Structure formats: C-alpha cells, structure tokens
Protein backbone atom coordinates (compact mmCIF):
# COMPACT_ATOMS: atom_id res chain seq x y z
CA UNK A 1 -11.35 -54.92 -43.75
CA UNK A 2 -11.66 -58.77 -42.94
CA UNK A 3 -10.49 -59.39 -39.50
CA UNK A 4 -10.84 -55.85 -38.15
CA UNK A 5 -13.94 -54.83 -35.80
CA UNK A 6 -16.00 -52.17 -37.05
CA UNK A 7 -16.16 -49.29 -34.48
CA UNK A 8 -19.26 -47.17 -33.54
CA UNK A 9 -17.66 -44.19 -35.01
CA UNK A 10 -17.25 -45.96 -38.59
CA UNK A 11 -20.99 -46.97 -38.45
CA UNK A 12 -22.24 -43.54 -37.54
CA UNK A 13 -20.00 -41.82 -40.29
CA UNK A 14 -21.56 -44.51 -42.93
CA UNK A 15 -24.96 -43.77 -42.10
CA UNK A 16 -24.07 -39.80 -42.52
CA UNK A 17 -22.65 -40.17 -45.78
CA UNK A 18 -25.45 -42.78 -46.79
CA UNK A 19 -28.03 -40.31 -46.64
CA UNK A 20 -26.87 -38.53 -49.85
CA UNK A 21 -24.50 -40.97 -51.45
CA UNK A 22 -24.72 -44.53 -52.88
CA UNK A 23 -23.79 -47.26 -50.64
CA UNK A 24 -20.52 -47.89 -52.13
CA UNK A 25 -19.27 -44.45 -51.85
CA UNK A 26 -20.49 -44.03 -48.28
CA UNK A 27 -18.90 -47.50 -47.64
CA UNK A 28 -15.65 -46.30 -48.89
CA UNK A 29 -15.65 -43.05 -47.00
CA UNK A 30 -16.26 -44.82 -43.48
CA UNK A 31 -13.56 -47.39 -44.29
CA UNK A 32 -15.70 -50.19 -44.33
CA UNK A 33 -16.57 -53.07 -47.09
CA UNK A 34 -19.83 -53.20 -49.09
CA UNK A 35 -20.95 -56.30 -47.50
CA UNK A 36 -20.63 -54.68 -43.97
CA UNK A 37 -22.67 -51.76 -45.48
CA UNK A 38 -25.49 -54.00 -46.59
CA UNK A 39 -25.69 -55.56 -43.06
CA UNK A 40 -25.78 -51.93 -41.67
CA UNK A 41 -28.53 -50.98 -44.20
CA UNK A 42 -30.60 -54.28 -43.10
CA UNK A 43 -30.06 -53.29 -39.50
CA UNK A 44 -28.01 -56.41 -38.78
CA UNK A 45 -24.92 -54.23 -37.49
CA UNK A 46 -25.81 -51.16 -35.29
CA UNK A 47 -23.93 -48.99 -32.89
CA UNK A 48 -23.78 -50.04 -29.35
CA UNK A 49 -25.98 -48.32 -26.81
CA UNK A 50 -24.19 -46.83 -23.89
CA UNK A 51 -20.30 -47.03 -22.99
CA UNK A 52 -18.54 -50.29 -22.75
CA UNK A 53 -18.16 -52.09 -19.48
CA UNK A 54 -14.89 -53.65 -20.13
CA UNK A 55 -11.32 -52.19 -19.81
CA UNK A 56 -9.04 -51.79 -22.75
CA UNK A 57 -5.72 -51.64 -20.57
CA UNK A 58 -4.59 -52.74 -17.37
CA UNK A 59 -5.32 -50.54 -14.37
CA UNK A 60 -2.27 -48.71 -13.22
CA UNK A 61 -3.53 -48.46 -9.85
CA UNK A 62 -4.71 -51.93 -8.99
CA UNK A 63 -1.76 -52.64 -6.57
CA UNK A 64 -2.31 -49.27 -4.58
CA UNK A 65 -5.88 -48.21 -4.84
CA UNK A 66 -7.87 -50.25 -2.67
CA UNK A 67 -5.12 -50.86 -0.04
CA UNK A 68 -3.20 -47.45 0.33
CA UNK A 69 -4.75 -44.59 -1.50
CA UNK A 70 -8.44 -45.29 -0.27
CA UNK A 71 -7.46 -45.56 3.26
CA UNK A 72 -5.29 -42.25 3.35
CA UNK A 73 -8.44 -40.63 1.81
CA UNK A 74 -10.76 -41.89 4.40
CA UNK A 75 -8.46 -40.86 7.36
CA UNK A 76 -7.67 -37.48 6.14
CA UNK A 77 -10.27 -35.25 4.30
CA UNK A 78 -7.44 -32.43 3.54
CA UNK A 79 -4.94 -34.61 1.96
CA UNK A 80 -4.12 -33.62 -1.66
CA UNK A 81 -3.48 -35.94 -4.77
CA UNK A 82 -0.27 -34.45 -5.02
CA UNK A 83 0.56 -35.32 -1.34
CA UNK A 84 -0.51 -39.03 -2.11
CA UNK A 85 1.55 -38.94 -5.36
CA UNK A 86 4.64 -38.08 -3.64
CA UNK A 87 3.96 -40.53 -1.06
CA UNK A 88 3.45 -43.49 -3.47
CA UNK A 89 6.55 -42.44 -5.50
CA UNK A 90 8.68 -42.24 -2.13
CA UNK A 91 7.48 -45.67 -0.65
CA UNK A 92 5.53 -47.53 -3.07
CA UNK A 93 7.90 -47.03 -6.14
CA UNK A 94 7.99 -50.88 -6.75
CA UNK A 95 4.27 -51.28 -7.23
CA UNK A 96 3.35 -47.59 -8.64
CA UNK A 97 4.36 -45.95 -11.88
CA UNK A 98 4.80 -42.22 -11.86
CA UNK A 99 3.58 -41.76 -15.22
CA UNK A 100 -0.02 -42.68 -13.79
CA UNK A 101 -0.22 -39.23 -11.95
CA UNK A 102 -2.96 -37.95 -13.97
CA UNK A 103 -4.95 -41.22 -13.65
CA UNK A 104 -4.55 -40.99 -9.94
CA UNK A 105 -5.77 -37.44 -9.72
CA UNK A 106 -8.83 -38.36 -11.70
CA UNK A 107 -9.64 -41.22 -9.62
CA UNK A 108 -9.13 -39.33 -6.41
CA UNK A 109 -11.45 -36.46 -7.81
CA UNK A 110 -14.26 -39.10 -8.81
CA UNK A 111 -13.94 -40.94 -5.40
CA UNK A 112 -14.44 -37.62 -3.37
CA UNK A 113 -17.23 -36.73 -5.62
CA UNK A 114 -18.99 -39.95 -4.63
CA UNK A 115 -17.77 -40.64 -0.96
CA UNK A 116 -15.90 -37.33 0.05
CA UNK A 117 -17.20 -34.96 2.91
CA UNK A 118 -19.80 -32.17 2.37
CA UNK A 119 -17.92 -28.89 1.30
CA UNK A 120 -18.55 -25.39 2.21
CA UNK A 121 -21.31 -23.62 0.10
CA UNK A 122 -21.09 -20.03 -1.18
CA UNK A 123 -24.46 -18.26 -0.76
CA UNK A 124 -24.82 -15.41 -2.94
CA UNK A 125 -26.38 -12.34 -1.48
CA UNK A 126 -28.62 -9.40 -2.45
CA UNK A 127 -27.76 -6.13 -0.68
CA UNK A 128 -30.02 -3.16 -0.62
CA UNK A 129 -28.79 -0.02 -1.42
CA UNK A 130 -27.38 1.89 1.56
CA UNK A 131 -27.17 -1.27 3.49
CA UNK A 132 -23.40 -2.22 3.28
CA UNK A 133 -20.00 -0.44 3.02
CA UNK A 134 -16.95 -2.51 2.61
CA UNK A 135 -13.30 -1.52 3.39
CA UNK A 136 -10.02 -3.31 2.94
CA UNK A 137 -6.11 -2.57 2.33
CA UNK A 138 -4.37 -4.14 -0.63
CA UNK A 139 -0.86 -4.22 -1.46
CA UNK A 140 0.43 -2.74 -4.79
CA UNK A 141 3.32 -4.31 -6.34
CA UNK A 142 3.87 -1.96 -9.42
CA UNK A 143 7.37 -0.30 -9.74
CA UNK A 144 6.18 3.29 -8.80
CA UNK A 145 8.68 5.63 -8.02
CA UNK A 146 8.84 9.12 -6.40
CA UNK A 147 11.71 11.28 -7.48
CA UNK A 148 13.51 8.09 -8.69
CA UNK A 149 12.88 6.76 -5.32
CA UNK A 150 10.82 3.19 -4.95
CA UNK A 151 7.38 3.56 -3.47
CA UNK A 152 6.45 0.76 -0.96
CA UNK A 153 2.66 1.23 -0.59
CA UNK A 154 -0.73 -0.06 -0.49
CA UNK A 155 -4.17 1.18 -1.36
CA UNK A 156 -6.95 1.73 0.91
CA UNK A 157 -10.28 0.53 -0.81
CA UNK A 158 -13.79 1.31 0.12
CA UNK A 159 -16.85 0.28 -1.90
CA UNK A 160 -20.65 0.64 -1.66
CA UNK A 161 -21.81 -2.93 -2.14
CA UNK A 162 -25.03 -2.30 -4.18
CA UNK A 163 -24.02 0.48 -6.62
CA UNK A 164 -20.31 -0.73 -6.91
CA UNK A 165 -19.30 3.20 -6.00
CA UNK A 166 -15.58 3.14 -4.79
CA UNK A 167 -13.15 5.21 -3.09
CA UNK A 168 -9.39 4.57 -3.22
CA UNK A 169 -6.39 6.35 -1.70
CA UNK A 170 -2.74 5.53 -1.35
CA UNK A 171 -1.18 4.42 2.05
CA UNK A 172 2.64 4.47 2.37
CA UNK A 173 2.50 2.80 6.00
CA UNK A 174 1.04 -0.27 7.17
CA UNK A 175 -3.00 -1.19 8.10
CA UNK A 176 -2.86 1.35 11.02
CA UNK A 177 -5.83 2.85 12.85
CA UNK A 178 -4.76 6.46 11.42
CA UNK A 179 -4.87 5.13 7.60
CA UNK A 180 -8.18 3.15 8.37
CA UNK A 181 -9.78 6.12 10.09
CA UNK A 182 -8.50 8.70 7.58
CA UNK A 183 -9.54 6.47 4.57
CA UNK A 184 -13.07 5.56 5.93
CA UNK A 185 -13.77 9.20 6.77
CA UNK A 186 -12.73 10.61 3.28
CA UNK A 187 -14.93 7.92 1.65
CA UNK A 188 -18.01 8.74 3.83
CA UNK A 189 -17.51 12.60 3.15
CA UNK A 190 -16.90 12.06 -0.62
CA UNK A 191 -19.96 9.45 -1.13
CA UNK A 192 -22.13 12.18 1.12
CA UNK A 193 -23.28 9.61 3.35
CA UNK A 194 -22.78 6.56 5.91
CA UNK A 195 -23.94 2.88 5.24
CA UNK A 196 -26.05 1.16 7.92
CA UNK A 197 -23.05 -1.48 8.15
CA UNK A 198 -19.29 -1.41 7.58
CA UNK A 199 -17.74 -4.56 6.95
CA UNK A 200 -13.85 -5.43 7.22
CA UNK A 201 -11.69 -8.41 7.67
CA UNK A 202 -10.07 -8.77 10.89
CA UNK A 203 -7.82 -5.71 10.85
CA UNK A 204 -5.50 -5.14 13.80
CA UNK A 205 -6.64 -1.39 13.67
CA UNK A 206 -10.11 -2.50 14.31
CA UNK A 207 -10.02 -5.59 16.39
CA UNK A 208 -7.94 -7.06 18.99
CA UNK A 209 -8.34 -10.50 17.52
CA UNK A 210 -8.12 -12.11 20.92
CA UNK A 211 -11.81 -13.38 21.41
CA UNK A 212 -14.33 -15.23 19.12
CA UNK A 213 -16.63 -12.07 19.66
CA UNK A 214 -16.06 -8.75 18.10
CA UNK A 215 -13.66 -7.46 20.31
CA UNK A 216 -13.31 -3.86 18.93
CA UNK A 217 -10.25 -1.69 19.68
CA UNK A 218 -11.46 1.68 21.55
CA UNK A 219 -10.33 4.00 18.69
CA UNK A 220 -12.36 2.11 16.17
CA UNK A 221 -15.43 1.66 18.39
CA UNK A 222 -15.51 5.58 19.04
CA UNK A 223 -15.00 6.22 15.41
CA UNK A 224 -18.05 3.88 14.58
CA UNK A 225 -20.24 5.37 17.35
CA UNK A 226 -19.57 8.82 15.97
CA UNK A 227 -20.73 8.05 12.52
CA UNK A 228 -23.53 5.69 13.72
CA UNK A 229 -22.55 2.75 11.65
CA UNK A 230 -22.67 -0.93 12.67
CA UNK A 231 -19.32 -2.81 12.24
CA UNK A 232 -19.03 -6.48 11.13
CA UNK A 233 -16.22 -8.60 9.92
CA UNK A 234 -16.12 -11.96 7.78
CA UNK A 235 -14.84 -15.38 9.54
CA UNK A 236 -11.32 -15.37 10.07
CA UNK A 237 -9.39 -16.95 7.16
CA UNK A 238 -12.48 -17.07 5.01
CA UNK A 239 -11.57 -14.55 2.19
CA UNK A 240 -14.76 -15.16 -0.31
CA UNK A 241 -17.01 -13.88 2.51
CA UNK A 242 -15.57 -10.42 1.71
CA UNK A 243 -15.79 -11.22 -1.93
CA UNK A 244 -17.58 -7.88 -2.72
CA UNK A 245 -14.05 -5.94 -2.18
CA UNK A 246 -11.62 -8.99 -2.85
CA UNK A 247 -12.49 -9.38 -6.39
CA UNK A 248 -12.61 -5.58 -6.92
CA UNK A 249 -9.22 -5.45 -5.40
CA UNK A 250 -7.63 -7.51 -8.08
CA UNK A 251 -9.63 -5.69 -10.90
CA UNK A 252 -8.53 -2.21 -9.59
CA UNK A 253 -4.88 -3.37 -9.32
CA UNK A 254 -5.12 -4.66 -13.05
CA UNK A 255 -6.57 -1.36 -14.26
CA UNK A 256 -3.92 0.57 -12.37
CA UNK A 257 -1.41 -1.49 -14.18
CA UNK A 258 -2.77 -1.05 -17.57
CA UNK A 259 -3.09 3.01 -16.83
CA UNK A 260 0.62 3.24 -15.80
CA UNK A 261 1.48 1.29 -18.83
CA UNK A 262 -0.62 3.65 -21.12
CA UNK A 263 0.93 6.70 -19.25
CA UNK A 264 4.21 5.42 -20.46
CA UNK A 265 6.07 5.85 -17.13
CA UNK A 266 5.86 4.96 -13.38
CA UNK A 267 7.69 7.96 -12.14
CA UNK A 268 5.83 10.72 -10.53
CA UNK A 269 7.10 13.87 -9.15
CA UNK A 270 5.23 13.88 -5.66
CA UNK A 271 3.21 11.46 -3.59
CA UNK A 272 0.16 13.80 -4.07
CA UNK A 273 0.42 13.44 -8.01
CA UNK A 274 0.29 9.62 -7.60
CA UNK A 275 -2.45 9.67 -5.34
CA UNK A 276 -4.21 12.14 -7.75
CA UNK A 277 -3.59 9.74 -10.60
CA UNK A 278 -5.39 6.86 -8.75
CA UNK A 279 -8.22 8.74 -7.73
CA UNK A 280 -8.71 10.07 -11.17
CA UNK A 281 -8.63 6.33 -12.19
CA UNK A 282 -11.39 5.43 -9.78
CA UNK A 283 -13.39 8.56 -10.67
CA UNK A 284 -13.55 7.20 -14.51
CA UNK A 285 -14.90 3.69 -12.95
CA UNK A 286 -17.60 5.40 -10.73
CA UNK A 287 -19.07 7.36 -13.79
CA UNK A 288 -19.94 3.92 -15.06
CA UNK A 289 -22.06 3.39 -12.03
CA UNK A 290 -23.62 6.68 -11.67
CA UNK A 291 -27.25 6.22 -11.96
CA UNK A 292 -26.84 3.14 -9.26
CA UNK A 293 -24.79 5.31 -6.96
CA UNK A 294 -27.37 8.34 -7.25
CA UNK A 295 -30.00 5.64 -6.13
CA UNK A 296 -28.07 4.36 -3.27
CA UNK A 297 -26.77 7.89 -2.24
CA UNK A 298 -30.59 8.63 -1.17
CA UNK A 299 -30.50 5.57 1.08
CA UNK A 300 -27.34 6.62 2.87
CA UNK A 301 -27.37 7.98 6.62
CA UNK A 302 -26.71 11.53 7.14
CA UNK A 303 -23.00 12.74 7.93
CA UNK A 304 -22.27 13.93 11.40
CA UNK A 305 -21.45 17.66 11.72
CA UNK A 306 -17.77 17.12 12.18
CA UNK A 307 -15.29 14.47 11.41
CA UNK A 308 -13.73 12.10 14.10
CA UNK A 309 -10.27 11.96 15.09
CA UNK A 310 -7.99 10.20 12.40
CA UNK A 311 -4.80 9.90 14.54
CA UNK A 312 -3.47 7.87 17.30
CA UNK A 313 -1.44 9.25 20.04
CA UNK A 314 1.89 8.18 21.72
CA UNK A 315 3.55 9.61 24.80
CA UNK A 316 7.31 9.88 24.52
CA UNK A 317 10.28 11.57 26.16
CA UNK A 318 12.78 13.77 23.83
CA UNK A 319 16.22 12.24 24.15
CA UNK A 320 19.47 14.04 24.91
CA UNK A 321 20.17 13.90 21.13
CA UNK A 322 17.08 15.85 20.40
CA UNK A 323 15.32 12.84 18.73
CA UNK A 324 12.20 10.90 19.05
CA UNK A 325 11.36 7.56 17.74
CA UNK A 326 8.06 6.71 16.35
CA UNK A 327 7.29 3.18 14.85
CA UNK A 328 10.88 2.57 14.35
CA UNK A 329 11.55 5.82 12.87
CA UNK A 330 13.79 8.40 14.36
CA UNK A 331 12.88 12.08 14.10
CA UNK A 332 14.65 15.17 15.09
CA UNK A 333 13.01 17.94 17.31
CA UNK A 334 14.09 21.43 18.15
CA UNK A 335 16.66 21.12 20.81
CA UNK A 336 14.43 23.06 23.44
CA UNK A 337 12.05 20.06 23.80
CA UNK A 338 15.20 18.15 25.19
CA UNK A 339 13.93 16.02 28.10
CA UNK A 340 10.33 16.85 27.76
CA UNK A 341 7.41 14.52 27.60
CA UNK A 342 5.65 15.25 24.55
CA UNK A 343 2.36 13.81 23.02
CA UNK A 344 2.91 12.87 19.38
CA UNK A 345 -0.25 12.71 17.31
CA UNK A 346 0.37 10.18 14.44
CA UNK A 347 -1.71 10.88 11.33
CA UNK A 348 -1.18 8.91 8.27
CA UNK A 349 0.72 11.45 6.37
CA UNK A 350 2.03 13.64 9.36
CA UNK A 351 3.29 13.90 12.91
CA UNK A 352 2.00 16.62 15.32
CA UNK A 353 4.34 17.05 18.37
CA UNK A 354 2.18 18.69 21.51
CA UNK A 355 3.95 20.05 24.48
CA UNK A 356 2.12 21.76 27.45
CA UNK A 357 -1.12 21.41 25.54
CA UNK A 358 -0.02 23.28 22.69
CA UNK A 359 0.96 22.06 19.21
CA UNK A 360 4.78 22.97 19.01
CA UNK A 361 5.77 21.28 15.76
CA UNK A 362 4.48 19.38 12.95
CA UNK A 363 6.50 16.97 10.91
CA UNK A 364 6.03 14.90 7.51
CA UNK A 365 5.71 11.34 8.50
CA UNK A 366 8.56 9.24 6.96
CA UNK A 367 8.26 5.39 6.03
CA UNK A 368 11.08 3.18 5.94
CA UNK A 369 12.04 2.45 2.46
CA UNK A 370 11.44 -1.20 0.73
CA UNK A 371 13.56 -3.85 2.21
CA UNK A 372 14.19 -2.08 5.19
CA UNK A 373 12.53 -1.68 8.56
CA UNK A 374 13.94 1.50 10.08
CA UNK A 375 14.83 4.92 8.76
CA UNK A 376 15.59 8.51 10.00
CA UNK A 377 13.96 11.90 9.42
CA UNK A 378 16.70 14.38 10.19
CA UNK A 379 16.24 18.39 9.93
CA UNK A 380 19.58 20.20 10.46
CA UNK A 381 17.97 23.37 11.57
CA UNK A 382 16.80 21.52 14.71
CA UNK A 383 20.01 21.08 15.92
CA UNK A 384 22.44 23.44 14.27
CA UNK A 385 22.77 25.90 16.93
CA UNK A 386 24.14 23.11 19.36
CA UNK A 387 26.21 22.07 16.67
CA UNK A 388 27.87 25.31 16.05
CA UNK A 389 29.30 25.19 19.56
CA UNK A 390 31.10 21.90 18.97
CA UNK A 391 31.53 21.53 15.19
CA UNK A 392 33.85 18.72 15.39
CA UNK A 393 30.89 16.51 16.57
CA UNK A 394 29.76 16.44 13.15
CA UNK A 395 32.58 14.37 11.67
CA UNK A 396 31.70 11.12 13.63
CA UNK A 397 27.87 11.95 14.24
CA UNK A 398 25.62 9.26 13.47
CA UNK A 399 23.31 11.43 11.78
CA UNK A 400 25.96 13.05 9.77
CA UNK A 401 24.77 11.93 6.32
CA UNK A 402 21.13 13.00 7.04
CA UNK A 403 22.21 16.41 8.54
CA UNK A 404 23.58 17.43 4.98
CA UNK A 405 20.06 18.53 3.41
CA UNK A 406 20.76 18.03 -0.26
CA UNK A 407 23.16 16.72 -2.60
CA UNK A 408 24.87 20.06 -2.97
CA UNK A 409 25.89 20.04 0.51
CA UNK A 410 26.88 16.22 0.42
CA UNK A 411 29.21 17.29 -2.53
CA UNK A 412 30.69 20.32 -0.61
CA UNK A 413 31.52 18.28 2.57
CA UNK A 414 33.05 15.66 0.22
CA UNK A 415 35.17 18.45 -0.96
CA UNK A 416 36.19 20.08 2.13
CA UNK A 417 36.85 16.90 3.78
CA UNK A 418 39.51 15.91 1.13
CA UNK A 419 41.12 19.45 0.93
CA UNK A 420 40.98 20.80 4.45
CA UNK A 421 41.86 19.58 7.84
CA UNK A 422 39.54 17.66 9.95
CA UNK A 423 38.74 20.73 12.21
CA UNK A 424 38.61 23.17 9.32
CA UNK A 425 36.20 20.96 7.38
CA UNK A 426 33.85 20.48 10.33
CA UNK A 427 33.90 24.19 11.05
CA UNK A 428 33.33 25.01 7.37
CA UNK A 429 30.45 22.72 6.90
CA UNK A 430 28.73 23.34 10.15
CA UNK A 431 28.95 27.16 9.81
CA UNK A 432 27.81 27.02 6.29
CA UNK A 433 24.36 25.04 7.33
CA UNK A 434 24.16 27.61 10.19
CA UNK A 435 24.03 30.24 7.53
CA UNK A 436 21.57 28.46 5.64
CA UNK A 437 19.40 28.39 8.57
CA UNK A 438 19.76 31.95 9.26
CA UNK A 439 19.10 33.42 5.85
CA UNK A 440 16.78 30.66 4.53
CA UNK A 441 18.79 30.68 1.46
CA UNK A 442 19.59 26.77 1.59
CA UNK A 443 19.68 26.13 -2.10
CA UNK A 444 21.17 29.26 -3.30
CA UNK A 445 24.00 28.79 -0.67
CA UNK A 446 24.91 25.36 -1.99
CA UNK A 447 24.70 26.27 -5.72
CA UNK A 448 26.94 29.35 -4.98
CA UNK A 449 29.70 27.31 -3.15
CA UNK A 450 30.01 24.88 -5.80
CA UNK A 451 29.99 27.45 -8.62
CA UNK A 452 32.85 29.20 -7.15
CA UNK A 453 34.53 25.49 -6.55
CA UNK A 454 34.17 24.83 -10.13
CA UNK A 455 35.54 28.31 -11.05
CA UNK A 456 38.10 29.79 -8.91
CA UNK A 457 38.36 27.38 -5.54
CA UNK A 458 36.54 27.24 -2.27
CA UNK A 459 34.81 30.54 -1.08
CA UNK A 460 35.45 31.62 2.18
CA UNK A 461 32.63 31.75 4.96
CA UNK A 462 33.28 35.49 5.03
CA UNK A 463 32.39 35.91 1.43
CA UNK A 464 29.35 33.62 1.76
CA UNK A 465 28.05 35.99 4.70
CA UNK A 466 28.72 39.10 2.87
CA UNK A 467 26.91 37.71 -0.03
CA UNK A 468 23.88 36.19 1.61
CA UNK A 469 23.77 38.11 5.17
CA UNK A 470 25.47 41.38 4.42
CA UNK A 471 25.50 43.59 7.77
CA UNK A 472 23.89 46.79 7.18
CA UNK A 473 24.74 49.47 9.32
CA UNK A 474 21.72 51.58 10.73
CA UNK A 475 22.91 55.02 11.64
CA UNK A 476 20.31 56.55 14.24
CA UNK A 477 18.55 59.49 13.55
CA UNK A 478 19.34 61.88 16.42
CA UNK A 479 16.68 64.95 16.64
CA UNK A 480 18.01 67.84 18.69
CA UNK A 481 15.10 70.07 20.04
CA UNK A 482 16.02 73.63 20.87
CA UNK A 483 14.06 74.81 24.08
CA UNK A 484 12.23 78.12 24.30
CA UNK A 485 14.29 80.65 26.17
CA UNK A 486 11.25 81.84 28.27
CA UNK A 487 11.26 78.25 29.64
CA UNK A 488 14.81 78.88 31.28
CA UNK A 489 13.77 82.57 32.60
CA UNK A 490 10.91 80.86 34.31
CA UNK A 491 13.21 78.27 35.74
CA UNK A 492 15.72 80.98 36.97
CA UNK A 493 12.97 83.09 38.53
CA UNK A 494 11.97 80.19 40.71
CA UNK A 495 15.22 79.46 42.03
CA UNK A 496 16.04 83.12 42.83
CA UNK A 497 18.94 83.48 40.48
CA UNK A 498 18.97 86.67 38.40
CA UNK A 499 21.07 87.28 35.11
CA UNK A 500 22.02 90.50 33.74
C-alpha cells in the first residue's frame, strides 16, 4: 500500500469491518496495511470532515465562463443553456470543448439558483363545493374511424373542481360557440345544477381577445346571464392556472387510449356509438367520486326552467346552383329556395334552414376530413327535378361524384359511361336517380340494376319503372241512379204537356 493515499472511503470501510473482525482481516477487506490500521485505531488517521476545497482536474470552462457565459446570463434571463452551448461551439470553438456540455448546464443551473431572477410561484388553491366549474377542449389523436373513415375530432371536457365529477362529449368541428354552448348546457343539466363560477381559457367562442379586460362575446354573455354563472378565464398563455382541467385532459386521453386498446378495435359504426363509448368511460370515472359529487351537487345553483340557445346564426343567399356555403362546407338545398335569403342556425351536429320565419329544412352538419379544409354535402333529391330536364349537365357537373348517393350508383355510372354513348349514359343515370327519389327505393334500385348487369345485362329504365313504380289503372266506379217516374209526371204537369 506504500505510496498510495488512503481514501476516506477506505477508512470508513475499515471501521465498519473492525467492529466485528480482527484488525488484520478488517485491514485486508479495506485494502490497507496493518500499520495504517493501527494508526486508525490510535486515531492518528481519521476521515476528513467536509468536502475537499481543491480541484482534481482543470476547469473546462475557465476560458469562457466569466468573460462570455456570465455576461449572457446577466443580459438575458430567458436564454437557455442549449442556446449558450450552440453559441460557444459556433463562435468560440478554439477555447471551448463541446464535451463539456453537461458541465456547462450544471454551472448555469447553479448560477441561476444563486444569482438568477425571481420565478413564478404556483399557489395551490382550495375550492369549495359548488364554487367552480371548469371547461376546455382537447384534441384527440387516436386513429378512431367511423365506417372506415378517419374521425378528426376533439373532446369537450367539463369538470366540477371540488369533487372531480366530469362530463365529456365528442366534438367534430372546432372550438365554436355552438360546441361550447351545447357541451356546457348538457353538462349543467346532467350534473343537476350550475356552479357559481365558470372557468375557461381564452376561447374565441367566449372572448373577443382584443382587450385586457374580459371582453365577452355577446352570445357567451347571454348564455352566462341565462344560467346565472360568472365567467372567468386564466391569464393568457399561463396554462398551469387551469391545471384543474389541463392535467385531467391528459389523464382522460390516456384512459381513452387504453380503453380503445382493450376494446380491440378503433372502428365504430356511427358517431353516436363512439360518443356513447366515451361517455360510458367517463361514467366509470364519476362513480369513483360519487360521494364527493353528492356533497357538491347540494351546493350547486338551481337550473333555469329551460335551456338557452346553443346555435349561431348566419344569413346567406341561396346560389343559382341551389347551394349554400357554411364554414367552408357546401350544402345543397331544394331548388325552390334559389335566390332566397335564408337564415341558417348552426348547431354542433346539424343545420336548420329558416325561410320566412319557418324551418324549411334540417341538414346533418358536415366537417372537412383530416388534412382538408373544404368539403361538400350533396343530396341528389334537392336538384334531381331540374337535372331531369337537362341530363347532359350531369357529365361535367362539379357535383357529379357527390350526386351519386352510394357505391352501387357509382358502379352503375362507371358501367353505363363505358357501354353507352355520352347522352344515353347521362340519361340513364339521371332517370334512375329520379326513379329512386319518386319511389323512395334508392338502395333496392341500385342493387337490382347491379344484379341484372351481372346476370343478363343492363336493365332498361322501363323494366325498372315497372318493377318499382308500376302504373296501376284505377277504374272509376259509376253508379247510375234510376229516378222515380212520379218525378217525371210532376215535371210534365208543370210544363203543360200531356202524355197518352
């Protein structure tokens, strides 16, 4: 052991083994000589108290720390250690070794703890039951499909902070007022009451975001007045102030992912089925806080006698092509409305077309698919009467593909387009669609035509009409009434004519 310094660790190891072993054995286990062991026993050699004050290797930052790094830290509070590292590598590579990155990060962190600026403090809050409800939208990136079509969607998430009770519904569009109003009202009525405060972030559906004060939109202000709730929001860009909903958002999405994995499929038949699946998931979570929710429910304010509006309105004129455009989506409407100025009530899942103070039509709301900003919702029944008068317009129509309602009709069009002349093909498909509208046998007609094509060839339009719209002749029932002869005698007597 001669010539080697005995470390503090060796001394402590010797003292540990010396408590139950002879001096020689303990010294051997600690890797020291017996003479050094005797010196330890005589307290001539003891471990040093405190850490060493000398360096064991050269400082890799000695050329850049005081002259370059510290001035940067003093001038700019937001600069990161990675930014300084990149700067040193780019402009001071001759005096800075890139292998000292971790040393630089530790030194910067220690400097900021000693000399850095004051930081924001998170103040934990205590929430009384019935005091605060908080709402937010969160984007879902799960590969959910509806009838094999990818579903681009988000979740509306409402939570009573004190108890943790939650309400969730699927939203296919953006963070619109109709989605916010519909979600909030459903949550209020399902929870059985209204909290004293409603907290959101700076949603454009609720705030104009043009001033420092709470500049509510008119619709959101009316909604809050209807339910008697005071709306508040967090400071812009400070997400942790809404931690009571931001963190549960992440928990909810992780739990949704696990539930979908356990289900074994991300495919659903309808949007309603997927929405029901999500709400069943949330219902299981709510059962865990049933006791706390029962206590908080008693503190909620009573609901009003009826709901408030959950739609926005848009005034628009129907174009000459019998279409309207709402939020970058083109919808067809009945051709009788061409030129009319209609009011469209935009709900989260439907549209109502109002003309002359009457609801003339209700349409399912359509959203652009993932990766696109525009889409069309075309119903051939709205324009087929006009198309029958000029069937050749079908071939080059911008709505041609959308006018074909199902895959069967698309296959029929491809068949007749290849087998018949241009005029005959257009005439055939248009009259077939017209027959489908008149008889309300759209799917049956499509299947029949394809079956006939596979068996014996394209059926004629006449055979289709005879099968699905047979003309039944109604023979009028004529009843001949034989008058009484006494009536004729009285008539002749009044005219002065006698009969023999």
